[in-house]
Amino acid sequence: MTMPNQTAPIPKFAKRLNGLSNVRLPLWALPADWPQQAGEPVNADIFFNQGLIASLKPRSSQHSDLWDLQGALALPALIEPHAHLDKTFTLTRSRPAAPGLLAAIEAMHQDRQYWTAEDLRQRAAKGLTWAAANGVTHLRTHIDWFAATPPLAWLEMNNLQQPGITLERVALAPLGLFADADNANAIAQAVAQSGEHSLLGGFIHSSNWDPAAMSNLLHSATRWQLNLDLHIDEELSPLANGLMWLADYLSQHPFPGHICCSHGCALASGSEQQSRQVLEVLAKHRVTLISLPMTNLLLQDAVVGRTPRQRGITLIKEARTAGIPVLIGCDNVQDAFCPAGSYDPLDTLTCMLFTAQLDSVFDQHSRLICDLSALTGKLAAVSPLATGSPASLVIFPGSDSVTWPLNSAARLVINRGRLTHQRTWKQELSHES
């Protein structure tokens, strides 16, 4: 275990950096032939040019113009692949009457009476600011959609601007809304005409299952050249139809765009043979799975006065073995679905570390909160640290590669070559006090 020294003096925020020296990067983000020492990749020097990465080389002591991080850990920019900015920070006025997903949905329906333009802007902006301070540069939010025309939240989120963050919007409509082909087409058209970074989605559950509506959803997305991000099988029933139906559909009708499937909890409840067959098809069609550990741990197998028996997490290890891109996201933050939650991806990864019993978290599984190509489907993209990529990284002074992401709240955020955020522990709160 290597404990880095205190980093060199922090440069001024307005200054554009020439690069970073002596930085410990995760193995997954480095070239395959990167040298190793004592079982760990050697530290790196990263050179910047006009906010982009100019080159990445093994550490050398000859570059005095670079910021010497003295072995501190660093990741490529973080992503938040699944959030709900329209629902966030509503817990104080919309507590569910019972545990579980359906009760949370009902509580959120009741809260919607307060969703004015100002209320939506204020809450969503707070979430984006929190995410940016933690090093997030790309955030995808799902937005509830209950009619053929866009809701107020869809329009308001389009006007949000947070420096350093690319914001994507997904139209989250219940599956029943796609039962009518004309209605499905109208929704897809409205999303397609909303501009860049807009996707079509749907809530697909055994309580609203309709194979004809699923067909209309896929057909409308194809017609309007939209990528998909589906809330699918967010339940523990082994009879959930969503992912099995999607795998069968894709076997017969290859989808021209990219598909993300969020939740997928039911995969862990069916038979090994059934899940293996589904995963093989999803891998063939480069479908991405997004797991939401915090919310699903709270909502699945939730019974008053009873300890949950099931974790409600999709099969992320089996998916990765099958070659499926996998990501994890925060989902809900301080609302009826998740009273806690966080816009810090490290909190999500810490939760998943224990839930899914992950090992080698920094060198391998940190990819779960950094892999933008898995989210967008642009899988031909090179490493986020390749020449020409944005010079955006998150530095963790004082952390070590074995216990990370624990004890890693302190961080420095670099966005396109400039230091934009700094979080440090107060000296008086040291455990040695």
Protein backbone atom coordinates (compact mmCIF):
# COMPACT_ATOMS: atom_id res chain seq x y z
CA MET A 1 0.00 0.00 0.00
CA THR A 2 1.42 3.35 -1.07
CA MET A 3 0.40 6.42 0.87
CA PRO A 4 1.13 9.58 -1.15
CA ASN A 5 2.72 12.57 0.47
CA GLN A 6 0.95 15.89 0.75
CA THR A 7 0.67 17.33 -2.75
CA ALA A 8 2.77 20.29 -3.79
CA PRO A 9 1.36 23.81 -3.28
CA ILE A 10 -1.97 24.17 -5.05
CA PRO A 11 -1.88 26.46 -8.09
CA LYS A 12 -4.21 29.39 -8.51
CA PHE A 13 -7.70 28.50 -9.69
CA ALA A 14 -7.59 30.79 -12.72
CA LYS A 15 -4.29 29.40 -13.95
CA ARG A 16 -4.27 26.93 -16.83
CA LEU A 17 -1.97 24.06 -15.92
CA ASN A 18 0.81 22.66 -18.09
CA GLY A 19 0.10 19.19 -16.74
CA LEU A 20 0.54 16.83 -13.80
CA SER A 21 3.63 14.97 -12.68
CA ASN A 22 4.05 11.85 -10.54
CA VAL A 23 0.37 10.94 -10.47
CA ARG A 24 -1.06 7.47 -9.72
CA LEU A 25 -3.67 6.54 -12.35
CA PRO A 26 -5.98 3.49 -12.47
CA LEU A 27 -4.78 0.50 -14.46
CA TRP A 28 -7.92 0.36 -16.64
CA ALA A 29 -7.28 3.87 -18.03
CA LEU A 30 -3.63 3.22 -18.98
CA PRO A 31 -2.22 1.65 -22.15
CA ALA A 32 -1.91 -2.14 -22.09
CA ASP A 33 1.89 -1.97 -22.17
CA TRP A 34 2.18 0.50 -19.28
CA PRO A 35 5.09 -0.46 -16.99
CA GLN A 36 4.42 -1.81 -13.51
CA GLN A 37 6.44 -1.94 -10.33
CA ALA A 38 5.68 -4.05 -7.23
CA GLY A 39 2.33 -5.05 -8.74
CA GLU A 40 1.12 -1.50 -9.40
CA PRO A 41 1.37 0.71 -12.48
CA VAL A 42 4.19 3.23 -12.23
CA ASN A 43 3.17 6.83 -11.73
CA ALA A 44 2.55 9.04 -14.73
CA ASP A 45 3.24 12.46 -16.16
CA ILE A 46 0.32 14.02 -18.04
CA PHE A 47 0.96 16.94 -20.38
CA PHE A 48 -1.78 19.48 -21.16
CA ASN A 49 -2.16 21.80 -24.13
CA GLN A 50 -5.00 24.32 -24.36
CA GLY A 51 -7.22 22.34 -22.02
CA LEU A 52 -6.58 18.99 -23.74
CA ILE A 53 -4.28 16.07 -22.99
CA ALA A 54 -1.17 16.36 -25.15
CA SER A 55 0.55 13.17 -23.99
CA LEU A 56 0.75 10.58 -21.23
CA LYS A 57 4.11 9.12 -20.22
CA PRO A 58 5.68 7.14 -17.36
CA ARG A 59 7.03 9.43 -14.67
CA SER A 60 10.20 11.38 -15.28
CA SER A 61 11.98 13.84 -12.98
CA GLN A 62 12.79 16.23 -15.83
CA HIS A 63 9.54 18.19 -16.03
CA SER A 64 9.72 21.05 -13.55
CA ASP A 65 6.86 22.90 -15.28
CA LEU A 66 4.32 20.24 -14.28
CA TRP A 67 2.40 20.17 -11.00
CA ASP A 68 4.07 17.45 -8.90
CA LEU A 69 1.35 15.43 -7.15
CA GLN A 70 3.88 13.25 -5.32
CA GLY A 71 2.02 10.01 -5.99
CA ALA A 72 -1.54 11.16 -5.32
CA LEU A 73 -4.35 9.11 -6.85
CA ALA A 74 -6.26 10.59 -9.79
CA LEU A 75 -9.13 9.51 -12.02
CA PRO A 76 -10.40 10.74 -15.37
CA ALA A 77 -13.43 13.01 -15.02
CA LEU A 78 -16.39 11.39 -13.24
CA ILE A 79 -19.80 10.79 -14.78
CA GLU A 80 -23.25 10.52 -13.24
CA PRO A 81 -25.13 8.16 -15.59
CA HIS A 82 -28.52 8.11 -13.89
CA ALA A 83 -30.14 10.87 -11.83
CA HIS A 84 -33.58 12.44 -11.33
CA LEU A 85 -33.11 16.19 -11.09
CA ASP A 86 -36.86 16.81 -11.33
CA LYS A 87 -37.49 14.78 -8.15
CA THR A 88 -34.41 15.65 -6.12
CA PHE A 89 -34.56 17.36 -2.69
CA THR A 90 -38.31 16.84 -2.23
CA LEU A 91 -38.16 14.48 0.76
CA THR A 92 -39.33 17.01 3.36
CA ARG A 93 -42.68 17.38 1.60
CA SER A 94 -43.22 13.89 0.08
CA ARG A 95 -42.50 11.03 2.45
CA PRO A 96 -43.95 7.71 1.26
CA ALA A 97 -46.67 6.07 3.33
CA ALA A 98 -45.10 2.61 3.07
CA PRO A 99 -41.79 1.04 2.01
CA GLY A 100 -41.09 -0.06 -1.54
CA LEU A 101 -41.06 1.29 -5.07
CA LEU A 102 -44.79 1.68 -5.72
CA ALA A 103 -45.39 3.67 -2.52
CA ALA A 104 -42.53 5.99 -3.48
CA ILE A 105 -44.10 6.51 -6.91
CA GLU A 106 -47.40 7.47 -5.29
CA ALA A 107 -45.71 9.95 -2.94
CA MET A 108 -43.94 11.58 -5.88
CA HIS A 109 -47.21 11.90 -7.79
CA GLN A 110 -48.59 13.87 -4.83
CA ASP A 111 -45.54 16.11 -4.69
CA ARG A 112 -45.86 17.10 -8.34
CA GLN A 113 -48.34 19.82 -7.37
CA TYR A 114 -45.37 21.87 -6.14
CA TRP A 115 -43.32 21.57 -9.35
CA THR A 116 -43.30 25.16 -10.53
CA ALA A 117 -40.61 26.45 -12.86
CA GLU A 118 -38.79 28.12 -9.99
CA ASP A 119 -39.02 25.06 -7.76
CA LEU A 120 -37.61 22.80 -10.50
CA ARG A 121 -34.78 25.18 -11.36
CA GLN A 122 -33.74 25.68 -7.76
CA ARG A 123 -33.64 22.01 -6.84
CA ALA A 124 -31.99 20.83 -10.07
CA ALA A 125 -29.34 23.55 -9.95
CA LYS A 126 -28.45 22.50 -6.40
CA GLY A 127 -27.90 18.94 -7.58
CA LEU A 128 -25.76 20.00 -10.54
CA THR A 129 -23.62 22.24 -8.36
CA TRP A 130 -23.03 19.37 -5.93
CA ALA A 131 -22.06 17.03 -8.76
CA ALA A 132 -19.65 19.52 -10.34
CA ALA A 133 -17.88 20.11 -7.04
CA ASN A 134 -17.21 16.37 -6.81
CA GLY A 135 -15.67 16.14 -10.28
CA VAL A 136 -18.65 15.16 -12.46
CA THR A 137 -18.44 16.48 -16.03
CA HIS A 138 -21.35 14.54 -17.60
CA LEU A 139 -24.74 13.94 -15.97
CA ARG A 140 -27.78 12.15 -17.37
CA THR A 141 -31.12 12.93 -15.74
CA HIS A 142 -34.42 11.16 -16.27
CA ILE A 143 -37.50 13.40 -16.34
CA ASP A 144 -41.04 12.16 -15.68
CA TRP A 145 -43.24 12.44 -18.79
CA PHE A 146 -46.99 11.66 -18.64
CA ALA A 147 -48.49 13.03 -21.87
CA ALA A 148 -47.73 13.30 -25.57
CA THR A 149 -46.31 16.78 -25.04
CA PRO A 150 -43.19 17.63 -23.01
CA PRO A 151 -43.71 18.39 -19.30
CA LEU A 152 -42.58 21.62 -17.65
CA ALA A 153 -39.58 19.88 -16.10
CA TRP A 154 -38.33 18.81 -19.53
CA LEU A 155 -38.36 22.40 -20.73
CA GLU A 156 -36.79 23.82 -17.57
CA MET A 157 -33.93 21.30 -17.52
CA ASN A 158 -33.06 22.31 -21.07
CA ASN A 159 -32.30 25.82 -19.80
CA LEU A 160 -30.04 24.69 -16.96
CA GLN A 161 -26.37 25.48 -17.32
CA GLN A 162 -23.65 24.31 -14.96
CA PRO A 163 -20.10 25.23 -16.03
CA GLY A 164 -18.11 22.11 -16.81
CA ILE A 165 -21.06 19.68 -16.97
CA THR A 166 -22.75 18.25 -20.06
CA LEU A 167 -26.40 17.56 -19.18
CA GLU A 168 -28.43 14.83 -20.91
CA ARG A 169 -32.21 14.46 -20.58
CA VAL A 170 -34.20 11.21 -20.80
CA ALA A 171 -37.98 11.24 -21.25
CA LEU A 172 -39.17 8.81 -18.56
CA ALA A 173 -42.69 7.79 -19.63
CA PRO A 174 -44.71 4.85 -18.25
CA LEU A 175 -44.88 1.99 -20.73
CA GLY A 176 -48.65 2.38 -21.10
CA LEU A 177 -48.12 5.73 -22.77
CA PHE A 178 -46.63 3.87 -25.75
CA ALA A 179 -49.60 1.52 -26.17
CA ASP A 180 -50.98 3.78 -28.89
CA ALA A 181 -48.58 3.91 -31.86
CA ASP A 182 -49.47 7.51 -32.74
CA ASN A 183 -48.89 8.60 -29.16
CA ALA A 184 -45.55 6.79 -29.08
CA ASN A 185 -44.52 8.52 -32.28
CA ALA A 186 -45.54 11.94 -30.92
CA ILE A 187 -43.44 11.46 -27.79
CA ALA A 188 -40.42 10.33 -29.78
CA GLN A 189 -40.82 13.24 -32.18
CA ALA A 190 -40.99 15.73 -29.31
CA VAL A 191 -37.83 14.27 -27.79
CA ALA A 192 -35.99 14.24 -31.12
CA GLN A 193 -36.89 17.87 -31.72
CA SER A 194 -35.68 18.90 -28.25
CA GLY A 195 -32.12 19.23 -29.43
CA GLU A 196 -28.85 17.55 -28.63
CA HIS A 197 -28.42 15.32 -25.57
CA SER A 198 -32.05 14.11 -25.55
CA LEU A 199 -33.00 10.45 -25.21
CA LEU A 200 -36.18 8.37 -25.13
CA GLY A 201 -36.92 6.27 -22.07
CA GLY A 202 -39.67 4.30 -20.41
CA PHE A 203 -40.70 2.74 -17.10
CA ILE A 204 -41.11 -1.00 -17.74
CA HIS A 205 -42.44 -3.11 -14.86
CA SER A 206 -44.64 -6.18 -14.40
CA SER A 207 -47.37 -3.83 -13.14
CA ASN A 208 -47.66 -2.18 -16.57
CA TRP A 209 -46.30 -4.87 -18.89
CA ASP A 210 -47.48 -4.57 -22.51
CA PRO A 211 -45.45 -6.16 -25.33
CA ALA A 212 -47.26 -4.11 -27.98
CA ALA A 213 -46.29 -0.92 -26.17
CA MET A 214 -42.68 -2.14 -26.04
CA SER A 215 -42.71 -2.65 -29.79
CA ASN A 216 -44.08 0.86 -30.31
CA LEU A 217 -41.39 2.27 -28.01
CA LEU A 218 -38.59 0.60 -29.98
CA HIS A 219 -40.12 1.44 -33.35
CA SER A 220 -40.60 5.12 -32.49
CA ALA A 221 -37.02 5.41 -31.21
CA THR A 222 -35.76 3.85 -34.43
CA ARG A 223 -37.84 6.15 -36.61
CA TRP A 224 -36.59 9.29 -34.86
CA GLN A 225 -33.00 8.05 -34.48
CA LEU A 226 -33.04 8.25 -30.69
CA ASN A 227 -30.92 6.40 -28.19
CA LEU A 228 -32.78 4.66 -25.37
CA ASP A 229 -32.35 4.55 -21.59
CA LEU A 230 -34.95 2.28 -20.01
CA HIS A 231 -36.06 1.84 -16.39
CA ILE A 232 -36.54 -1.90 -16.77
CA ASP A 233 -37.32 -4.76 -14.39
CA GLU A 234 -36.90 -2.69 -11.24
CA GLU A 235 -38.30 -5.54 -9.17
CA LEU A 236 -37.37 -8.96 -7.80
CA SER A 237 -39.96 -11.09 -9.60
CA PRO A 238 -38.36 -13.88 -11.66
CA LEU A 239 -41.32 -13.48 -14.01
CA ALA A 240 -40.44 -9.89 -14.99
CA ASN A 241 -40.67 -9.64 -18.76
CA GLY A 242 -38.68 -6.57 -19.74
CA LEU A 243 -35.11 -7.72 -20.32
CA MET A 244 -36.15 -11.14 -21.63
CA TRP A 245 -38.47 -9.49 -24.16
CA LEU A 246 -35.82 -6.95 -25.14
CA ALA A 247 -33.22 -9.68 -25.72
CA ASP A 248 -35.66 -11.59 -27.94
CA TYR A 249 -36.59 -8.42 -29.84
CA LEU A 250 -32.98 -7.45 -30.49
CA SER A 251 -32.23 -10.95 -31.77
CA GLN A 252 -34.77 -10.36 -34.51
CA HIS A 253 -34.59 -6.56 -34.96
CA PRO A 254 -31.12 -5.06 -34.36
CA PHE A 255 -31.48 -1.56 -32.94
CA PRO A 256 -29.57 1.15 -34.85
CA GLY A 257 -28.86 3.32 -31.82
CA HIS A 258 -27.54 2.68 -28.33
CA ILE A 259 -29.55 1.24 -25.44
CA CYS A 260 -28.94 1.62 -21.72
CA CYS A 261 -30.94 -0.58 -19.35
CA SER A 262 -31.15 0.85 -15.86
CA HIS A 263 -31.91 -1.22 -12.73
CA GLY A 264 -32.46 -4.76 -14.10
CA CYS A 265 -32.95 -6.08 -10.54
CA ALA A 266 -34.99 -9.07 -11.71
CA LEU A 267 -31.94 -10.55 -13.43
CA ALA A 268 -30.71 -11.62 -10.00
CA SER A 269 -33.99 -13.39 -9.23
CA GLY A 270 -34.30 -15.67 -12.26
CA SER A 271 -32.42 -18.85 -13.07
CA GLU A 272 -28.74 -18.86 -13.95
CA GLN A 273 -29.52 -20.23 -17.41
CA GLN A 274 -32.13 -17.55 -18.08
CA SER A 275 -29.89 -14.69 -17.00
CA ARG A 276 -26.95 -16.06 -18.99
CA GLN A 277 -29.04 -16.21 -22.17
CA VAL A 278 -30.27 -12.65 -21.69
CA LEU A 279 -26.77 -11.32 -21.00
CA GLU A 280 -25.34 -13.02 -24.07
CA VAL A 281 -27.81 -11.22 -26.33
CA LEU A 282 -27.37 -7.86 -24.59
CA ALA A 283 -23.61 -8.19 -24.99
CA LYS A 284 -23.94 -8.91 -28.70
CA HIS A 285 -25.92 -5.71 -29.18
CA ARG A 286 -23.66 -3.63 -26.92
CA VAL A 287 -26.44 -2.77 -24.47
CA THR A 288 -25.15 -1.01 -21.34
CA LEU A 289 -26.39 -1.99 -17.87
CA ILE A 290 -26.65 0.72 -15.21
CA SER A 291 -27.02 -0.36 -11.61
CA LEU A 292 -28.38 1.98 -8.93
CA PRO A 293 -27.28 0.42 -5.63
CA MET A 294 -28.40 2.99 -3.06
CA THR A 295 -32.00 3.31 -4.18
CA ASN A 296 -32.49 -0.36 -5.01
CA LEU A 297 -31.09 -1.49 -1.67
CA LEU A 298 -33.71 0.69 0.01
CA LEU A 299 -36.68 -0.14 -2.24
CA GLN A 300 -36.32 -3.84 -3.09
CA ASP A 301 -37.49 -6.52 -0.65
CA ALA A 302 -38.69 -3.71 1.64
CA VAL A 303 -41.14 -4.85 4.32
CA VAL A 304 -41.91 -3.02 7.57
CA GLY A 305 -40.20 -4.59 10.58
CA ARG A 306 -38.36 -7.20 8.50
CA THR A 307 -34.71 -7.35 7.49
CA PRO A 308 -34.43 -7.59 3.67
CA ARG A 309 -33.30 -10.95 2.34
CA GLN A 310 -32.39 -9.85 -1.19
CA ARG A 311 -30.09 -7.06 -2.32
CA GLY A 312 -31.93 -5.97 -5.45
CA ILE A 313 -28.73 -5.44 -7.46
CA THR A 314 -28.43 -6.56 -11.06
CA LEU A 315 -25.78 -9.06 -12.09
CA ILE A 316 -22.91 -6.64 -12.67
CA LYS A 317 -20.09 -9.19 -12.40
CA GLU A 318 -21.77 -11.62 -14.76
CA ALA A 319 -22.56 -8.76 -17.15
CA ARG A 320 -18.93 -7.64 -17.27
CA THR A 321 -17.78 -11.22 -17.81
CA ALA A 322 -20.20 -11.42 -20.74
CA GLY A 323 -18.65 -8.27 -22.22
CA ILE A 324 -21.48 -5.89 -21.33
CA PRO A 325 -20.50 -2.31 -20.40
CA VAL A 326 -21.60 -1.62 -16.83
CA LEU A 327 -22.02 1.66 -14.94
CA ILE A 328 -23.40 2.67 -11.55
CA GLY A 329 -25.38 5.80 -10.70
CA CYS A 330 -26.92 7.69 -7.81
CA ASP A 331 -30.54 7.46 -9.05
CA ASN A 332 -32.59 9.41 -6.49
CA VAL A 333 -31.25 11.91 -3.98
CA GLN A 334 -33.25 13.04 -0.95
CA ASP A 335 -36.71 12.24 -2.24
CA ALA A 336 -39.42 9.62 -1.68
CA PHE A 337 -37.35 6.94 -3.43
CA CYS A 338 -34.13 7.54 -1.50
CA PRO A 339 -34.11 9.74 1.63
CA ALA A 340 -30.31 9.92 1.59
CA GLY A 341 -28.49 9.67 -1.74
CA SER A 342 -25.56 11.67 -3.02
CA TYR A 343 -24.29 13.48 -6.10
CA ASP A 344 -20.79 12.21 -5.31
CA PRO A 345 -20.09 9.11 -7.47
CA LEU A 346 -17.59 7.92 -4.85
CA ASP A 347 -20.46 7.48 -2.40
CA THR A 348 -22.25 5.30 -4.96
CA LEU A 349 -19.10 3.26 -5.58
CA THR A 350 -18.51 2.81 -1.85
CA CYS A 351 -22.03 1.45 -1.52
CA MET A 352 -21.47 -0.94 -4.43
CA LEU A 353 -18.10 -2.01 -3.04
CA PHE A 354 -19.79 -3.70 -0.10
CA THR A 355 -23.04 -4.66 -1.83
CA ALA A 356 -21.40 -6.50 -4.74
CA GLN A 357 -18.17 -7.45 -2.90
CA LEU A 358 -15.89 -5.68 -5.37
CA ASP A 359 -12.13 -5.98 -5.26
CA SER A 360 -9.35 -3.95 -6.89
CA VAL A 361 -11.73 -1.01 -6.78
CA PHE A 362 -9.37 1.80 -7.77
CA ASP A 363 -7.52 -0.01 -10.57
CA GLN A 364 -10.53 -1.79 -12.08
CA HIS A 365 -13.96 -0.80 -10.77
CA SER A 366 -13.41 2.96 -10.70
CA ARG A 367 -14.31 2.61 -14.37
CA LEU A 368 -17.93 2.20 -13.22
CA ILE A 369 -18.08 5.96 -12.48
CA CYS A 370 -15.82 7.22 -15.30
CA ASP A 371 -16.65 5.36 -18.52
CA LEU A 372 -18.43 7.93 -20.67
CA SER A 373 -18.20 5.78 -23.79
CA ALA A 374 -20.28 3.08 -22.06
CA LEU A 375 -22.99 5.66 -21.35
CA THR A 376 -23.15 7.22 -24.79
CA GLY A 377 -22.51 4.07 -26.81
CA LYS A 378 -19.51 5.55 -28.55
CA LEU A 379 -17.50 2.46 -27.75
CA ALA A 380 -14.96 3.14 -30.46
CA ALA A 381 -13.73 6.05 -28.37
CA VAL A 382 -10.23 5.79 -27.01
CA SER A 383 -9.20 6.04 -23.37
CA PRO A 384 -10.33 9.21 -21.56
CA LEU A 385 -6.61 9.93 -21.06
CA ALA A 386 -5.70 9.63 -24.74
CA THR A 387 -4.14 12.49 -26.69
CA GLY A 388 -6.76 15.08 -27.59
CA SER A 389 -9.14 14.16 -24.76
CA PRO A 390 -10.26 16.90 -22.33
CA ALA A 391 -7.69 17.51 -19.59
CA SER A 392 -10.26 16.80 -16.87
CA LEU A 393 -9.29 14.76 -13.82
CA VAL A 394 -10.11 14.34 -10.15
CA ILE A 395 -7.23 14.15 -7.67
CA PHE A 396 -7.49 12.48 -4.24
CA PRO A 397 -4.71 13.79 -1.97
CA GLY A 398 -4.06 11.57 1.00
CA SER A 399 -5.91 8.51 -0.38
CA ASP A 400 -4.31 5.16 -1.14
CA SER A 401 -5.10 2.64 -3.85
CA VAL A 402 -6.04 -0.16 -1.43
CA THR A 403 -8.68 1.54 0.75
CA TRP A 404 -10.01 4.02 -1.85
CA PRO A 405 -12.83 5.14 -2.22
CA LEU A 406 -13.12 5.24 1.58
CA ASN A 407 -11.58 8.29 3.24
CA SER A 408 -11.44 10.11 -0.11
CA ALA A 409 -13.78 13.04 0.38
CA ALA A 410 -10.89 15.49 0.00
CA ARG A 411 -10.23 16.15 -3.67
CA LEU A 412 -9.09 18.56 -6.34
CA VAL A 413 -11.07 18.90 -9.56
CA ILE A 414 -9.39 19.84 -12.84
CA ASN A 415 -11.70 20.69 -15.71
CA ARG A 416 -10.10 21.23 -19.13
CA GLY A 417 -6.75 22.10 -17.67
CA ARG A 418 -7.93 24.44 -14.91
CA LEU A 419 -8.38 23.79 -11.21
CA THR A 420 -12.08 24.44 -10.55
CA HIS A 421 -12.90 22.93 -7.13
CA GLN A 422 -11.07 22.00 -3.95
CA ARG A 423 -12.37 20.03 -0.94
CA THR A 424 -10.19 19.53 2.11
CA TRP A 425 -10.63 18.19 5.64
CA LYS A 426 -10.40 20.74 8.43
CA GLN A 427 -7.29 20.23 10.50
CA GLU A 428 -9.22 20.40 13.77
CA LEU A 429 -11.27 17.35 12.73
CA SER A 430 -8.26 15.10 12.40
CA HIS A 431 -8.68 11.70 14.03
CA GLU A 432 -5.48 12.44 15.96
CA SER A 433 -7.04 15.40 17.79
